Amino acid sequence: MTNLIFEIVFPLVLLGILLIIFISGLFNKKPKQDFMSLDEFIKDWLNDHGQAHKLEEQFAQMKKDPAGKLYMPATYHGAKIFIRWGLTPNLVSFMNLILSFLIFYGVIMASKGHTLDLFSDQLGYGSWFFALAALVLFTGVIDGIDGAIARLLHIKSKSGAWLDNVIDRVSDTLMLVCLVPTNLVVLSNGFDFAWMVWTNILLIFIYEYMRARHEGLGLHETKPFVGERITRILLITTFFALYGTSSLVVLITHLINPDATAIWSASHEWIITWSMLTYQISLLAIMTLSVILFANYIWKNLKKMDKNKGE
């Protein structure tokens, strides 16, 4: 009964909620309107992130970075599309939450094939990680779209920012904890690295808590480090795509010529065995370094604020 609820009822409920979100947007469609330009959008974002005192310098730098070339344009243009669909920032935030639960569900279901026959039964299950990788990447984009909608419509609010941050932390947890109840975190020799998953969740919470706390103490200028959420999203996407692509390629080879599947023996077995461990080790290294550097940055700046206050 429990399996039936999780495997069938749970995803149907999630899909039903997504449908309700989209239908509610149909009754909230906005007339065509003019928006700020992409450059104005980026400058407004920088201003909100404590960069007003060196806005032009930071703007010029961001235009050269991947964030300014890819992520900011994606959220800007995506927000305009979602606005045409009548979706509000909070509806997009809830959409992100539902999609994160779908990723959680999808990983647990796809992991059922992890220990099945390498070149037949595993392939159908493993191929789903390719679709999950695309879904993870999509959630990473719409994570910025909710704020972009608020920015374009000039309806930024503290309650919306709070809701977005809470949902981000839930999403961070779901995208990692989904590995724990599976055999994806146990190697064939019995080595269980679930502890590493929990450690990475802890490091992410410490990193994000430090950001929230220093802003609460009046240090509004922030500095991004490699452990930002977009990096974590790209890391998950990369390893899910690696796992899924390998399974999909071997599946196609198996369907065309079962005897030719052996050509992928070494590479596919390596990916199936080591991809998730490599993913967790990479994330652990990134988050450990980011927590240390971010803590040092915050500490130095808070000490400066203490000194200035004393003077």
Protein backbone atom coordinates (compact mmCIF):
# COMPACT_ATOMS: atom_id res chain seq x y z
CA MET A 1 0.00 0.00 0.00
CA THR A 2 2.82 2.41 0.91
CA ASN A 3 4.61 1.67 -2.38
CA LEU A 4 1.38 2.29 -4.29
CA ILE A 5 0.92 5.68 -2.64
CA PHE A 6 4.48 6.77 -3.37
CA GLU A 7 4.85 5.32 -6.87
CA ILE A 8 1.45 6.31 -8.29
CA VAL A 9 -0.53 8.66 -6.06
CA PHE A 10 2.40 10.93 -5.09
CA PRO A 11 3.45 11.92 -8.66
CA LEU A 12 -0.19 12.32 -9.75
CA VAL A 13 -0.81 14.74 -6.89
CA LEU A 14 2.32 16.72 -7.84
CA LEU A 15 1.31 16.88 -11.50
CA GLY A 16 -2.19 17.93 -10.44
CA ILE A 17 -0.77 20.83 -8.41
CA LEU A 18 1.36 21.92 -11.39
CA LEU A 19 -1.74 21.90 -13.57
CA ILE A 20 -3.62 24.03 -11.03
CA ILE A 21 -0.73 26.54 -11.00
CA PHE A 22 -0.83 26.91 -14.78
CA ILE A 23 -4.63 27.16 -14.89
CA SER A 24 -4.58 29.85 -12.20
CA GLY A 25 -2.16 31.79 -14.37
CA LEU A 26 -4.64 31.79 -17.25
CA PHE A 27 -6.97 33.93 -15.15
CA ASN A 28 -4.19 36.37 -14.36
CA LYS A 29 -2.80 37.14 -17.81
CA LYS A 30 -1.18 40.54 -18.17
CA PRO A 31 -1.65 42.81 -21.18
CA LYS A 32 1.44 43.31 -23.34
CA GLN A 33 3.70 45.88 -21.74
CA ASP A 34 7.16 47.39 -21.93
CA PHE A 35 9.84 46.22 -19.52
CA MET A 36 13.24 47.49 -18.45
CA SER A 37 16.11 46.47 -20.72
CA LEU A 38 18.40 43.55 -19.91
CA ASP A 39 21.18 45.95 -18.86
CA GLU A 40 18.79 47.82 -16.56
CA PHE A 41 17.66 44.48 -15.18
CA ILE A 42 21.22 43.40 -14.34
CA LYS A 43 22.03 46.77 -12.74
CA ASP A 44 18.88 46.58 -10.63
CA TRP A 45 19.87 43.08 -9.50
CA LEU A 46 23.38 44.28 -8.58
CA ASN A 47 21.93 47.22 -6.68
CA ASP A 48 19.76 44.86 -4.63
CA HIS A 49 22.83 42.75 -3.83
CA GLY A 50 24.81 45.53 -2.20
CA GLN A 51 26.80 46.68 -5.24
CA ALA A 52 25.36 50.21 -5.58
CA HIS A 53 28.63 51.88 -4.54
CA LYS A 54 30.53 50.24 -7.42
CA LEU A 55 27.69 49.53 -9.82
CA GLU A 56 29.37 50.26 -13.15
CA GLU A 57 32.46 48.26 -12.21
CA GLN A 58 30.43 45.22 -11.17
CA PHE A 59 28.15 45.55 -14.19
CA ALA A 60 31.14 45.52 -16.57
CA GLN A 61 32.52 42.46 -14.77
CA MET A 62 29.21 40.58 -14.83
CA LYS A 63 28.81 41.17 -18.57
CA LYS A 64 31.99 39.14 -19.03
CA ASP A 65 31.04 36.35 -16.64
CA PRO A 66 28.88 33.28 -17.45
CA ALA A 67 26.24 34.69 -15.07
CA GLY A 68 25.91 37.85 -17.15
CA LYS A 69 26.15 36.10 -20.49
CA LEU A 70 23.89 33.13 -19.81
CA TYR A 71 22.04 33.04 -16.48
CA MET A 72 20.82 36.64 -16.28
CA PRO A 73 19.54 36.71 -19.91
CA ALA A 74 17.83 33.33 -19.34
CA THR A 75 15.98 34.56 -16.25
CA TYR A 76 15.17 37.91 -17.90
CA HIS A 77 13.63 36.42 -21.05
CA GLY A 78 12.10 33.53 -19.11
CA ALA A 79 10.39 35.99 -16.77
CA LYS A 80 8.79 37.80 -19.71
CA ILE A 81 7.40 34.49 -21.00
CA PHE A 82 6.03 33.53 -17.57
CA ILE A 83 4.46 36.97 -17.21
CA ARG A 84 2.62 36.43 -20.50
CA TRP A 85 1.34 33.14 -19.03
CA GLY A 86 -0.02 35.08 -16.06
CA LEU A 87 2.30 33.50 -13.49
CA THR A 88 3.21 35.52 -10.40
CA PRO A 89 6.55 35.27 -8.55
CA ASN A 90 5.00 33.21 -5.75
CA LEU A 91 3.36 30.80 -8.21
CA VAL A 92 6.73 30.25 -9.89
CA SER A 93 8.33 29.64 -6.49
CA PHE A 94 5.72 26.99 -5.71
CA MET A 95 6.26 25.51 -9.18
CA ASN A 96 9.95 25.19 -8.34
CA LEU A 97 9.05 23.39 -5.12
CA ILE A 98 6.77 20.91 -6.90
CA LEU A 99 9.41 20.20 -9.54
CA SER A 100 11.95 19.56 -6.78
CA PHE A 101 9.61 16.96 -5.28
CA LEU A 102 9.27 15.40 -8.76
CA ILE A 103 13.07 15.19 -9.00
CA PHE A 104 13.13 13.57 -5.55
CA TYR A 105 10.54 11.04 -6.75
CA GLY A 106 12.28 10.48 -10.10
CA VAL A 107 15.69 9.75 -8.57
CA ILE A 108 14.26 7.17 -6.17
CA MET A 109 12.32 5.47 -8.98
CA ALA A 110 15.23 5.55 -11.47
CA SER A 111 17.60 4.14 -8.86
CA LYS A 112 15.63 0.89 -8.86
CA GLY A 113 17.63 -0.16 -11.91
CA HIS A 114 21.04 0.71 -10.49
CA THR A 115 21.95 -2.84 -9.43
CA LEU A 116 20.05 -4.68 -12.17
CA ASP A 117 21.74 -6.35 -15.13
CA LEU A 118 24.25 -3.82 -16.45
CA PHE A 119 23.52 -4.11 -20.16
CA SER A 120 19.78 -4.77 -20.26
CA ASP A 121 17.56 -4.06 -17.23
CA GLN A 122 19.65 -1.18 -15.85
CA LEU A 123 19.51 0.81 -19.07
CA GLY A 124 15.82 1.70 -19.10
CA TYR A 125 15.92 2.97 -15.53
CA GLY A 126 19.29 4.70 -15.90
CA SER A 127 18.21 6.59 -19.02
CA TRP A 128 15.70 8.52 -16.91
CA PHE A 129 18.59 10.36 -15.26
CA PHE A 130 19.04 12.24 -18.54
CA ALA A 131 15.50 13.64 -18.25
CA LEU A 132 16.07 14.33 -14.55
CA ALA A 133 19.22 16.29 -15.41
CA ALA A 134 17.18 18.51 -17.76
CA LEU A 135 14.56 18.99 -15.03
CA VAL A 136 17.23 19.96 -12.47
CA LEU A 137 18.65 22.52 -14.89
CA PHE A 138 15.17 23.91 -15.54
CA THR A 139 14.54 24.36 -11.81
CA GLY A 140 17.85 26.23 -11.61
CA VAL A 141 16.64 28.68 -14.24
CA ILE A 142 13.17 29.24 -12.81
CA ASP A 143 14.77 29.71 -9.39
CA GLY A 144 15.84 33.10 -10.77
CA ILE A 145 12.69 33.70 -12.79
CA ASP A 146 10.44 34.29 -9.77
CA GLY A 147 12.66 37.16 -8.64
CA ALA A 148 12.99 38.38 -12.22
CA ILE A 149 9.20 38.61 -12.57
CA ALA A 150 9.01 40.68 -9.39
CA ARG A 151 11.80 42.91 -10.70
CA LEU A 152 10.22 43.44 -14.13
CA LEU A 153 6.77 44.14 -12.67
CA HIS A 154 8.17 46.30 -9.85
CA ILE A 155 6.47 44.15 -7.21
CA LYS A 156 9.52 43.07 -5.19
CA SER A 157 8.52 42.22 -1.62
CA LYS A 158 10.15 40.96 1.56
CA SER A 159 7.54 38.21 1.90
CA GLY A 160 8.28 36.98 -1.61
CA ALA A 161 12.04 37.00 -0.97
CA TRP A 162 11.49 35.05 2.26
CA LEU A 163 9.30 32.47 0.51
CA ASP A 164 11.84 32.05 -2.28
CA ASN A 165 14.69 31.48 0.20
CA VAL A 166 12.74 28.91 2.20
CA ILE A 167 11.75 27.00 -0.95
CA ASP A 168 15.37 27.08 -2.15
CA ARG A 169 16.52 25.39 1.06
CA VAL A 170 13.80 22.73 0.76
CA SER A 171 14.81 22.20 -2.86
CA ASP A 172 18.52 21.96 -1.95
CA THR A 173 17.67 19.26 0.57
CA LEU A 174 15.36 17.28 -1.72
CA MET A 175 17.89 17.16 -4.55
CA LEU A 176 20.48 15.58 -2.26
CA VAL A 177 18.48 13.56 0.25
CA CYS A 178 16.81 11.68 -2.65
CA LEU A 179 20.08 9.73 -2.98
CA VAL A 180 20.01 8.42 0.60
CA PRO A 181 17.20 5.82 0.42
CA THR A 182 18.69 4.37 -2.79
CA ASN A 183 21.60 2.07 -3.60
CA LEU A 184 23.24 4.89 -5.56
CA VAL A 185 25.31 5.76 -2.47
CA VAL A 186 26.61 2.23 -1.90
CA LEU A 187 29.50 0.87 -3.95
CA SER A 188 29.73 -2.76 -4.97
CA ASN A 189 32.34 -3.36 -2.24
CA GLY A 190 29.82 -2.23 0.40
CA PHE A 191 31.24 1.26 0.98
CA ASP A 192 28.30 3.48 1.95
CA PHE A 193 28.84 7.23 1.43
CA ALA A 194 25.41 8.44 2.58
CA TRP A 195 27.27 10.30 5.33
CA MET A 196 28.84 12.45 2.62
CA VAL A 197 25.40 13.40 1.30
CA TRP A 198 24.32 14.51 4.80
CA THR A 199 27.59 16.44 5.23
CA ASN A 200 26.99 18.30 1.97
CA ILE A 201 23.46 19.19 3.06
CA LEU A 202 24.88 20.56 6.33
CA LEU A 203 27.55 22.61 4.49
CA ILE A 204 24.94 24.10 2.15
CA PHE A 205 22.81 25.13 5.12
CA ILE A 206 25.82 26.66 6.89
CA TYR A 207 26.77 28.58 3.74
CA GLU A 208 23.26 29.93 3.21
CA TYR A 209 22.77 30.67 6.92
CA MET A 210 25.96 32.75 6.99
CA ARG A 211 24.62 34.81 4.09
CA ALA A 212 21.27 35.40 5.80
CA ARG A 213 22.92 36.22 9.14
CA HIS A 214 25.42 38.75 7.80
CA GLU A 215 22.64 40.54 5.93
CA GLY A 216 20.64 40.62 9.17
CA LEU A 217 23.62 42.28 10.89
CA GLY A 218 23.68 45.05 8.29
CA LEU A 219 26.40 43.74 5.96
CA HIS A 220 24.40 44.00 2.75
CA GLU A 221 27.30 43.80 0.34
CA THR A 222 27.89 40.18 -0.60
CA LYS A 223 30.49 38.32 -2.59
CA PRO A 224 29.64 35.20 -4.59
CA PHE A 225 31.85 32.14 -4.20
CA VAL A 226 32.00 28.94 -6.20
CA GLY A 227 29.48 27.24 -3.89
CA GLU A 228 26.53 29.38 -5.03
CA ARG A 229 23.28 27.59 -5.84
CA ILE A 230 23.74 27.84 -9.60
CA THR A 231 27.05 25.94 -9.26
CA ARG A 232 25.33 23.25 -7.22
CA ILE A 233 22.58 22.97 -9.83
CA LEU A 234 25.13 22.64 -12.63
CA LEU A 235 27.00 19.98 -10.67
CA ILE A 236 23.86 17.89 -10.14
CA THR A 237 22.91 18.35 -13.79
CA THR A 238 26.34 17.25 -14.98
CA PHE A 239 26.45 13.98 -13.06
CA PHE A 240 22.80 13.09 -13.67
CA ALA A 241 23.36 13.77 -17.38
CA LEU A 242 26.54 11.68 -17.36
CA TYR A 243 24.73 8.75 -15.76
CA GLY A 244 21.67 9.12 -17.97
CA THR A 245 23.53 9.69 -21.23
CA SER A 246 25.71 6.62 -20.71
CA SER A 247 22.64 4.48 -19.98
CA LEU A 248 20.77 5.92 -22.98
CA VAL A 249 23.65 5.35 -25.40
CA VAL A 250 24.12 1.77 -24.23
CA LEU A 251 20.35 1.20 -24.42
CA ILE A 252 20.22 2.39 -28.03
CA THR A 253 23.25 0.22 -28.87
CA HIS A 254 21.58 -2.75 -27.17
CA LEU A 255 18.37 -2.25 -29.15
CA ILE A 256 20.23 -2.00 -32.47
CA ASN A 257 22.71 -4.81 -31.87
CA PRO A 258 22.82 -6.55 -28.47
CA ASP A 259 26.19 -8.07 -29.26
CA ALA A 260 27.74 -4.61 -29.75
CA THR A 261 26.88 -3.51 -26.20
CA ALA A 262 30.18 -4.91 -24.96
CA ILE A 263 32.07 -1.98 -26.53
CA TRP A 264 30.71 0.19 -23.67
CA SER A 265 31.60 -2.32 -20.97
CA ALA A 266 34.47 -0.45 -19.31
CA SER A 267 33.13 3.11 -19.59
CA HIS A 268 29.52 2.39 -18.65
CA GLU A 269 30.45 0.23 -15.68
CA TRP A 270 32.81 2.94 -14.42
CA ILE A 271 30.11 5.61 -14.73
CA ILE A 272 27.48 3.48 -13.01
CA THR A 273 29.90 2.64 -10.21
CA TRP A 274 31.63 5.96 -9.56
CA SER A 275 29.54 8.86 -10.90
CA MET A 276 27.53 9.56 -7.74
CA LEU A 277 30.55 9.19 -5.45
CA THR A 278 32.55 11.56 -7.67
CA TYR A 279 29.61 13.98 -7.58
CA GLN A 280 29.51 13.97 -3.77
CA ILE A 281 33.29 14.33 -3.42
CA SER A 282 33.24 17.28 -5.85
CA LEU A 283 30.37 18.93 -3.99
CA LEU A 284 32.08 18.33 -0.64
CA ALA A 285 35.28 20.00 -1.85
CA ILE A 286 33.42 22.96 -3.37
CA MET A 287 31.22 23.58 -0.34
CA THR A 288 34.04 23.16 2.20
CA LEU A 289 36.19 25.70 0.35
CA SER A 290 33.26 28.09 -0.12
CA VAL A 291 32.24 27.96 3.55
CA ILE A 292 35.81 28.73 4.65
CA LEU A 293 36.28 31.60 2.16
CA PHE A 294 32.81 33.06 2.80
CA ALA A 295 33.28 32.90 6.59
CA ASN A 296 36.62 34.69 6.26
CA TYR A 297 35.07 37.38 4.01
CA ILE A 298 32.14 37.97 6.37
CA TRP A 299 34.33 38.01 9.49
CA LYS A 300 36.73 40.62 8.06
CA ASN A 301 33.90 42.89 6.93
CA LEU A 302 31.99 42.62 10.20
CA LYS A 303 35.19 43.47 12.09
CA LYS A 304 35.54 46.57 9.89
CA MET A 305 31.97 47.53 10.75
CA ASP A 306 32.76 47.06 14.46
CA LYS A 307 35.83 49.25 14.13
CA ASN A 308 33.96 52.00 12.25
CA LYS A 309 31.20 51.92 14.84
CA GLY A 310 33.76 52.32 17.61
CA GLU A 311 35.28 55.34 15.92
